């Protein structure tokens, strides 16, 4: 029977950077499951280059507990790694490699305990749900979630094994991305009166978003458990212009909103678009009516709302002994499962402080704690 560390070594060995296919890893997991007599279902993307995987251990019926994790990892390009990021390397009590904490340790531990799940019949099913493209906006899980209740059994509890130091996370922020494309009018830079600079207009738009962000920070509820305790608005990249002496025709950027679960990020986009319509477009059209600003929603991931009385909260707190209430500012697939009517919490091995970093690692003790939690879960599902 392979250990969690041995399976983690295997999973880390697959380069599942989001820009690449995850099929080699998925095929390996399918073969592993099949070797134990467990059938699996794939929910692929449109071109078949990536897939979610679902499998049920125990009775194929509604209810039970779903162990959920994503298979993709963030890039290592340009990061100063001391070891091969796709070769698991042990140093003292840490295991180094891309995805060790975010988040291949959780599925590795769950898969390692599969023989124990099969050793005695489960009265309550345990489901595996492994997704693709979580790191680029939680894009893969929705198609798998859509199949739950249709062709896949609906679990009553979902544990998302993101790195939380094995603490129970009760709530997280949502994500709302929207793209702005400014189309201006080119002219010689000495004749600014004849052109409409897309780059300079874009700068005004970004300044507006910054103003909106600061207003939310100033109005933050000091009792809010999130850090920071408000919805954030951020622009991370900007592209535009062709030369210093040409009034730019195009400028493009994406706004990243991380909203409190009870906030409505679409209202931020509406406020922004209304301001553009009233303040910016009239000035642009006075020079050239063909200039424009297009704002489109790119991606939406719901936040996880606190539900301390849910079955997921109750179960995982009993399994871990953790009774603190923790909130995190990042997003996960938990909000997607919750929005589809399933009780969800986030709890897994490793620290988010190591995620996305060069020399990413997970502590061996964290894997041991996860193993203990899942063994207790297996015992619960037999009763």
Protein backbone atom coordinates (compact mmCIF):
# COMPACT_ATOMS: atom_id res chain seq x y z
CA UNK A 1 0.00 0.00 0.00
CA UNK A 2 1.64 3.31 -1.04
CA UNK A 3 2.04 5.98 1.61
CA UNK A 4 0.72 9.54 1.23
CA UNK A 5 4.29 10.77 0.70
CA UNK A 6 4.91 8.18 -2.03
CA UNK A 7 1.71 9.19 -3.82
CA UNK A 8 2.59 12.87 -3.38
CA UNK A 9 5.90 12.14 -5.10
CA UNK A 10 3.99 10.65 -8.02
CA UNK A 11 1.52 13.52 -8.30
CA UNK A 12 4.20 16.22 -8.03
CA UNK A 13 6.03 14.48 -10.87
CA UNK A 14 3.26 15.46 -13.28
CA UNK A 15 3.73 19.01 -14.57
CA UNK A 16 0.11 20.13 -14.39
CA UNK A 17 0.74 23.85 -14.73
CA UNK A 18 -2.63 25.34 -15.70
CA UNK A 19 -1.44 26.22 -19.21
CA UNK A 20 -0.82 22.52 -19.84
CA UNK A 21 -2.98 19.41 -19.92
CA UNK A 22 -3.69 17.50 -16.71
CA UNK A 23 -4.60 14.30 -18.56
CA UNK A 24 -1.43 12.37 -17.71
CA UNK A 25 -2.17 12.80 -14.00
CA UNK A 26 -5.87 12.06 -14.46
CA UNK A 27 -5.11 8.89 -16.43
CA UNK A 28 -2.72 7.75 -13.71
CA UNK A 29 -5.36 8.32 -11.01
CA UNK A 30 -7.95 6.42 -13.09
CA UNK A 31 -5.58 3.47 -13.41
CA UNK A 32 -4.85 3.57 -9.67
CA UNK A 33 -8.57 3.58 -8.85
CA UNK A 34 -9.31 0.86 -11.38
CA UNK A 35 -6.62 -1.30 -9.78
CA UNK A 36 -8.70 -1.17 -6.60
CA UNK A 37 -11.95 -1.90 -8.40
CA UNK A 38 -13.22 1.69 -8.32
CA UNK A 39 -14.80 3.11 -11.46
CA UNK A 40 -14.36 6.79 -12.23
CA UNK A 41 -16.12 9.35 -14.38
CA UNK A 42 -14.42 12.06 -16.39
CA UNK A 43 -15.97 15.44 -17.10
CA UNK A 44 -13.68 16.88 -19.79
CA UNK A 45 -13.27 20.37 -21.14
CA UNK A 46 -14.50 21.20 -24.63
CA UNK A 47 -11.42 20.01 -26.52
CA UNK A 48 -10.63 17.06 -24.29
CA UNK A 49 -7.22 18.34 -23.24
CA UNK A 50 -8.23 18.53 -19.58
CA UNK A 51 -10.72 16.76 -17.36
CA UNK A 52 -12.29 16.62 -13.94
CA UNK A 53 -12.43 13.21 -12.29
CA UNK A 54 -15.17 11.86 -10.02
CA UNK A 55 -15.17 8.52 -8.21
CA UNK A 56 -17.29 7.00 -5.46
CA UNK A 57 -16.08 4.54 -2.83
CA UNK A 58 -18.84 2.63 -1.10
CA UNK A 59 -22.53 2.67 -1.96
CA UNK A 60 -23.31 4.62 -5.13
CA UNK A 61 -26.04 6.74 -3.63
CA UNK A 62 -26.85 10.26 -2.54
CA UNK A 63 -25.17 11.65 0.56
CA UNK A 64 -21.74 10.94 1.88
CA UNK A 65 -18.62 13.06 1.95
CA UNK A 66 -16.78 14.47 -1.04
CA UNK A 67 -13.01 15.00 -0.86
CA UNK A 68 -12.30 17.73 -3.37
CA UNK A 69 -9.04 19.05 -4.78
CA UNK A 70 -7.67 20.67 -7.91
CA UNK A 71 -4.97 19.02 -10.01
CA UNK A 72 -3.43 22.10 -11.61
CA UNK A 73 -0.56 24.17 -10.24
CA UNK A 74 0.81 27.65 -10.86
CA UNK A 75 3.88 28.22 -13.09
CA UNK A 76 7.47 28.01 -11.89
CA UNK A 77 8.86 30.23 -14.67
CA UNK A 78 11.31 32.82 -13.40
CA UNK A 79 11.25 31.57 -9.83
CA UNK A 80 14.57 30.79 -8.09
CA UNK A 81 14.03 27.16 -7.08
CA UNK A 82 16.82 25.33 -5.25
CA UNK A 83 15.54 21.93 -6.43
CA UNK A 84 13.65 20.52 -9.40
CA UNK A 85 10.09 21.76 -8.75
CA UNK A 86 8.60 18.60 -10.29
CA UNK A 87 10.70 16.18 -8.24
CA UNK A 88 9.63 15.74 -4.62
CA UNK A 89 12.62 16.56 -2.41
CA UNK A 90 12.78 15.97 1.32
CA UNK A 91 14.79 18.28 3.55
CA UNK A 92 14.43 17.59 7.26
CA UNK A 93 10.67 17.56 7.95
CA UNK A 94 9.62 19.33 4.77
CA UNK A 95 8.72 18.07 1.31
CA UNK A 96 9.58 20.49 -1.49
CA UNK A 97 8.02 20.67 -4.95
CA UNK A 98 5.42 22.53 -6.97
CA UNK A 99 1.99 21.61 -5.69
CA UNK A 100 3.17 20.02 -2.46
CA UNK A 101 0.90 22.25 -0.40
CA UNK A 102 -1.27 23.77 -3.15
CA UNK A 103 -2.70 21.24 -3.32
CA UNK A 104 -1.54 17.75 -4.20
CA UNK A 105 -0.88 16.63 -0.61
CA UNK A 106 -4.62 16.36 0.06
CA UNK A 107 -5.57 14.12 -2.89
CA UNK A 108 -2.38 12.10 -2.35
CA UNK A 109 -3.39 11.39 1.24
CA UNK A 110 -6.96 10.57 0.27
CA UNK A 111 -5.85 8.18 -2.48
CA UNK A 112 -3.33 6.51 -0.18
CA UNK A 113 -6.14 5.66 2.23
CA UNK A 114 -8.27 4.06 -0.48
CA UNK A 115 -7.30 0.50 0.60
CA UNK A 116 -8.48 1.34 4.13
CA UNK A 117 -11.78 2.62 2.74
CA UNK A 118 -12.20 -0.74 1.01
CA UNK A 119 -11.02 -2.92 3.90
CA UNK A 120 -14.50 -2.89 5.48
CA UNK A 121 -17.71 -1.84 3.73
CA UNK A 122 -18.67 1.82 3.96
CA UNK A 123 -22.25 2.53 4.94
CA UNK A 124 -21.86 6.09 3.72
CA UNK A 125 -20.03 6.86 0.45
CA UNK A 126 -16.80 8.78 0.16
CA UNK A 127 -16.42 10.61 -3.15
CA UNK A 128 -13.29 11.90 -4.86
CA UNK A 129 -13.63 15.08 -6.94
CA UNK A 130 -10.46 16.25 -8.69
CA UNK A 131 -10.74 19.33 -10.92
CA UNK A 132 -8.72 21.25 -13.50
CA UNK A 133 -7.96 24.97 -13.93
CA UNK A 134 -8.69 26.08 -10.39
CA UNK A 135 -5.61 28.29 -10.40
CA UNK A 136 -6.85 30.35 -13.34
CA UNK A 137 -10.31 31.14 -11.98
CA UNK A 138 -11.93 27.92 -10.74
CA UNK A 139 -12.90 27.12 -14.33
CA UNK A 140 -13.07 23.33 -14.21
CA UNK A 141 -15.23 22.48 -11.21
CA UNK A 142 -18.52 24.04 -12.44
CA UNK A 143 -18.98 21.44 -15.20
CA UNK A 144 -18.44 18.64 -12.68
CA UNK A 145 -20.77 20.26 -10.16
CA UNK A 146 -23.39 20.56 -12.93
CA UNK A 147 -23.27 16.76 -13.31
CA UNK A 148 -23.96 16.22 -9.61
CA UNK A 149 -27.59 15.24 -9.25
CA UNK A 150 -27.74 14.36 -12.94
CA UNK A 151 -25.22 11.60 -13.52
CA UNK A 152 -23.19 11.86 -10.32
CA UNK A 153 -24.46 11.23 -6.75
CA UNK A 154 -24.95 14.34 -4.63
CA UNK A 155 -22.79 14.45 -1.49
CA UNK A 156 -24.11 16.07 1.66
CA UNK A 157 -20.66 17.31 2.74
CA UNK A 158 -17.76 18.63 0.65
CA UNK A 159 -14.27 19.07 2.11
CA UNK A 160 -12.03 21.19 -0.10
CA UNK A 161 -8.46 20.29 0.83
CA UNK A 162 -6.75 23.62 0.16
CA UNK A 163 -3.82 24.40 2.50
CA UNK A 164 -5.21 25.70 5.81
CA UNK A 165 -2.73 24.19 8.30
CA UNK A 166 -5.49 21.62 8.90
CA UNK A 167 -7.69 24.35 10.37
CA UNK A 168 -11.37 24.59 9.44
CA UNK A 169 -12.05 27.57 7.18
CA UNK A 170 -15.69 28.64 7.39
CA UNK A 171 -15.74 31.47 4.85
CA UNK A 172 -13.72 32.93 2.02
CA UNK A 173 -14.05 35.81 -0.39
CA UNK A 174 -15.43 35.56 -3.90
CA UNK A 175 -13.74 36.55 -7.14
CA UNK A 176 -15.10 38.76 -9.90
CA UNK A 177 -12.86 39.63 -12.87
CA UNK A 178 -13.78 42.11 -15.60
CA UNK A 179 -11.78 43.26 -18.61
CA UNK A 180 -11.65 46.82 -19.96
CA UNK A 181 -10.60 47.54 -23.55
CA UNK A 182 -10.19 51.20 -24.52
CA UNK A 183 -10.19 51.99 -28.24
CA UNK A 184 -8.84 55.47 -28.87
CA UNK A 185 -7.76 57.43 -31.97
CA UNK A 186 -4.17 57.42 -33.15
CA UNK A 187 -2.35 60.63 -34.05
CA UNK A 188 1.12 62.14 -33.80
CA UNK A 189 2.03 62.76 -30.17
CA UNK A 190 2.58 66.46 -30.94
CA UNK A 191 -1.10 66.77 -31.93
CA UNK A 192 -2.88 65.58 -28.83
CA UNK A 193 -5.96 67.62 -29.77
CA UNK A 194 -6.50 65.34 -32.80
CA UNK A 195 -6.24 62.03 -30.99
CA UNK A 196 -7.72 60.12 -28.08
CA UNK A 197 -5.09 58.33 -26.05
CA UNK A 198 -6.25 54.89 -25.02
CA UNK A 199 -3.38 54.57 -22.54
CA UNK A 200 -4.04 57.89 -20.81
CA UNK A 201 -7.77 57.16 -20.75
CA UNK A 202 -6.96 53.75 -19.29
CA UNK A 203 -4.92 55.47 -16.58
CA UNK A 204 -7.97 57.56 -15.64
CA UNK A 205 -10.09 54.41 -15.48
CA UNK A 206 -7.59 52.65 -13.25
CA UNK A 207 -7.43 55.72 -11.03
CA UNK A 208 -11.22 55.54 -10.71
CA UNK A 209 -11.01 51.90 -9.67
CA UNK A 210 -8.35 52.82 -7.11
CA UNK A 211 -10.66 55.54 -5.78
CA UNK A 212 -13.48 53.00 -5.46
CA UNK A 213 -11.13 50.59 -3.68
CA UNK A 214 -10.05 53.22 -1.16
CA UNK A 215 -13.68 54.14 -0.46
CA UNK A 216 -14.42 50.53 0.47
CA UNK A 217 -11.36 50.34 2.68
CA UNK A 218 -12.41 53.53 4.48
CA UNK A 219 -15.90 52.17 5.09
CA UNK A 220 -14.76 48.75 6.35
CA UNK A 221 -16.56 47.13 9.27
CA UNK A 222 -13.97 46.81 12.05
CA UNK A 223 -15.74 43.68 13.32
CA UNK A 224 -15.37 41.88 10.00
CA UNK A 225 -13.34 38.67 10.36
CA UNK A 226 -11.69 38.95 6.97
CA UNK A 227 -8.21 40.39 6.51
CA UNK A 228 -8.48 42.89 4.94
CA UNK A 229 -12.05 43.44 6.19
CA UNK A 230 -13.49 44.79 2.93
CA UNK A 231 -13.95 43.98 -0.74
CA UNK A 232 -10.72 44.70 -2.61
CA UNK A 233 -10.33 46.09 -6.14
CA UNK A 234 -7.05 45.62 -7.97
CA UNK A 235 -5.56 45.94 -11.46
CA UNK A 236 -2.50 43.77 -11.91
CA UNK A 237 -1.50 44.16 -15.56
CA UNK A 238 -1.91 46.76 -18.30
CA UNK A 239 -1.15 46.49 -22.04
CA UNK A 240 -1.32 49.38 -24.47
CA UNK A 241 0.35 51.64 -26.97
CA UNK A 242 2.89 51.08 -29.72
CA UNK A 243 5.45 53.89 -29.38
CA UNK A 244 6.19 56.92 -27.24
CA UNK A 245 5.44 59.32 -30.09
CA UNK A 246 2.11 57.77 -31.14
CA UNK A 247 -1.15 58.58 -29.38
CA UNK A 248 -2.24 55.08 -28.43
CA UNK A 249 -5.19 53.39 -30.04
CA UNK A 250 -5.63 50.50 -27.61
CA UNK A 251 -5.29 49.89 -23.90
CA UNK A 252 -6.44 46.77 -22.06
CA UNK A 253 -6.47 45.65 -18.43
CA UNK A 254 -8.29 43.26 -16.11
CA UNK A 255 -9.75 44.24 -12.76
CA UNK A 256 -9.64 41.64 -9.98
CA UNK A 257 -12.33 42.08 -7.33
CA UNK A 258 -12.15 39.93 -4.19
CA UNK A 259 -15.50 40.44 -2.57
CA UNK A 260 -16.87 39.71 0.86
CA UNK A 261 -19.30 36.77 0.49
CA UNK A 262 -22.32 39.01 1.14
CA UNK A 263 -21.20 41.81 -1.17
CA UNK A 264 -22.38 42.12 -4.76
CA UNK A 265 -19.32 42.63 -6.98
CA UNK A 266 -21.51 43.18 -10.02
CA UNK A 267 -22.51 46.48 -8.39
CA UNK A 268 -18.87 47.57 -8.57
CA UNK A 269 -18.77 46.87 -12.28
CA UNK A 270 -22.09 48.67 -12.82
CA UNK A 271 -20.89 51.75 -10.89
CA UNK A 272 -17.69 51.79 -12.94
CA UNK A 273 -19.53 51.46 -16.26
CA UNK A 274 -22.02 54.18 -15.32
CA UNK A 275 -19.15 56.55 -14.51
CA UNK A 276 -17.52 55.76 -17.86
CA UNK A 277 -20.78 56.47 -19.67
CA UNK A 278 -21.31 59.79 -17.91
CA UNK A 279 -17.77 61.15 -17.57
CA UNK A 280 -15.39 59.58 -20.07
CA UNK A 281 -17.19 58.61 -23.26
CA UNK A 282 -18.60 62.11 -23.98
CA UNK A 283 -15.05 63.53 -23.99
CA UNK A 284 -13.80 60.76 -26.26
CA UNK A 285 -16.71 61.05 -28.69
CA UNK A 286 -16.24 64.82 -28.94
CA UNK A 287 -12.96 64.05 -30.73
CA UNK A 288 -14.02 60.90 -32.57
CA UNK A 289 -17.39 59.12 -32.28
CA UNK A 290 -15.75 55.82 -33.24
CA UNK A 291 -13.76 55.64 -30.01
CA UNK A 292 -15.15 53.28 -27.40
CA UNK A 293 -14.70 51.50 -24.08
CA UNK A 294 -15.79 47.87 -23.75
CA UNK A 295 -16.16 46.27 -20.32
CA UNK A 296 -16.83 42.53 -20.14
CA UNK A 297 -17.12 40.16 -17.19
CA UNK A 298 -14.38 37.54 -17.40
CA UNK A 299 -14.92 35.19 -14.49
CA UNK A 300 -17.11 34.84 -11.42
CA UNK A 301 -16.39 32.65 -8.40
CA UNK A 302 -18.80 32.88 -5.45
CA UNK A 303 -17.50 33.34 -1.94
CA UNK A 304 -18.03 30.77 0.79
CA UNK A 305 -20.59 32.03 3.28
CA UNK A 306 -20.26 31.17 6.95
CA UNK A 307 -22.69 28.42 7.98
CA UNK A 308 -21.51 27.23 11.37
CA UNK A 309 -24.49 24.91 11.80
CA UNK A 310 -23.96 23.07 8.53
CA UNK A 311 -23.23 19.36 8.43
CA UNK A 312 -19.84 20.08 6.89
CA UNK A 313 -18.81 22.41 9.72
CA UNK A 314 -20.03 20.01 12.39
CA UNK A 315 -18.37 16.96 10.87
CA UNK A 316 -14.96 18.46 10.12
CA UNK A 317 -14.72 20.17 13.50
CA UNK A 318 -15.40 16.83 15.15
CA UNK A 319 -12.74 15.17 12.99
CA UNK A 320 -10.06 17.82 13.61
CA UNK A 321 -10.96 19.15 17.05
CA UNK A 322 -10.67 22.69 15.69
CA UNK A 323 -13.35 24.97 17.10
CA UNK A 324 -11.98 28.34 16.00
CA UNK A 325 -13.79 30.27 13.27
CA UNK A 326 -11.41 31.17 10.45
CA UNK A 327 -11.91 33.32 7.36
CA UNK A 328 -9.50 33.62 4.43
CA UNK A 329 -9.29 36.32 1.72
CA UNK A 330 -8.55 34.01 -1.21
CA UNK A 331 -11.10 32.04 -3.21
CA UNK A 332 -11.62 28.29 -3.61
CA UNK A 333 -14.09 25.92 -5.21
CA UNK A 334 -15.96 25.68 -1.88
CA UNK A 335 -18.23 28.58 -2.80
CA UNK A 336 -19.15 26.83 -6.05
CA UNK A 337 -20.22 23.66 -4.21
CA UNK A 338 -22.09 25.70 -1.59
CA UNK A 339 -23.93 27.70 -4.27
CA UNK A 340 -25.09 24.38 -5.74
CA UNK A 341 -26.68 23.44 -2.41
CA UNK A 342 -23.94 21.37 -0.77
CA UNK A 343 -22.48 22.07 2.67
CA UNK A 344 -18.79 22.88 2.25
CA UNK A 345 -15.73 23.76 4.30
CA UNK A 346 -12.06 24.21 3.47
CA UNK A 347 -9.52 22.13 5.39
CA UNK A 348 -6.26 20.66 4.20
CA UNK A 349 -2.54 20.17 4.83
CA UNK A 350 0.03 22.89 4.33
CA UNK A 351 0.13 26.65 4.66
CA UNK A 352 -1.11 29.14 2.10
CA UNK A 353 2.04 31.13 2.95
CA UNK A 354 4.04 28.58 0.96
CA UNK A 355 1.64 28.44 -1.99
CA UNK A 356 2.80 29.91 -5.34
CA UNK A 357 6.28 30.50 -3.93
CA UNK A 358 9.64 29.22 -5.15
CA UNK A 359 10.67 26.26 -2.98
CA UNK A 360 7.04 25.53 -2.12
CA UNK A 361 6.82 22.89 0.60
CA UNK A 362 4.50 21.01 2.92
CA UNK A 363 5.50 19.80 6.35
CA UNK A 364 5.35 16.05 6.86
CA UNK A 365 3.43 16.58 10.10
CA UNK A 366 0.68 18.33 8.14
CA UNK A 367 0.25 15.23 5.98
CA UNK A 368 0.16 13.10 9.13
CA UNK A 369 -2.60 15.32 10.56
CA UNK A 370 -4.56 15.01 7.31
CA UNK A 371 -4.12 11.24 7.43
CA UNK A 372 -5.51 11.17 10.97
CA UNK A 373 -8.53 13.28 9.96
CA UNK A 374 -9.34 11.09 6.97
CA UNK A 375 -8.98 7.88 9.00
CA UNK A 376 -11.52 9.26 11.47
CA UNK A 377 -13.77 10.10 8.51
CA UNK A 378 -13.51 6.55 7.21
CA UNK A 379 -14.56 5.21 10.63
CA UNK A 380 -17.53 7.60 10.67
CA UNK A 381 -18.63 6.46 7.23
CA UNK A 382 -18.70 2.84 8.35
CA UNK A 383 -21.22 3.47 11.12
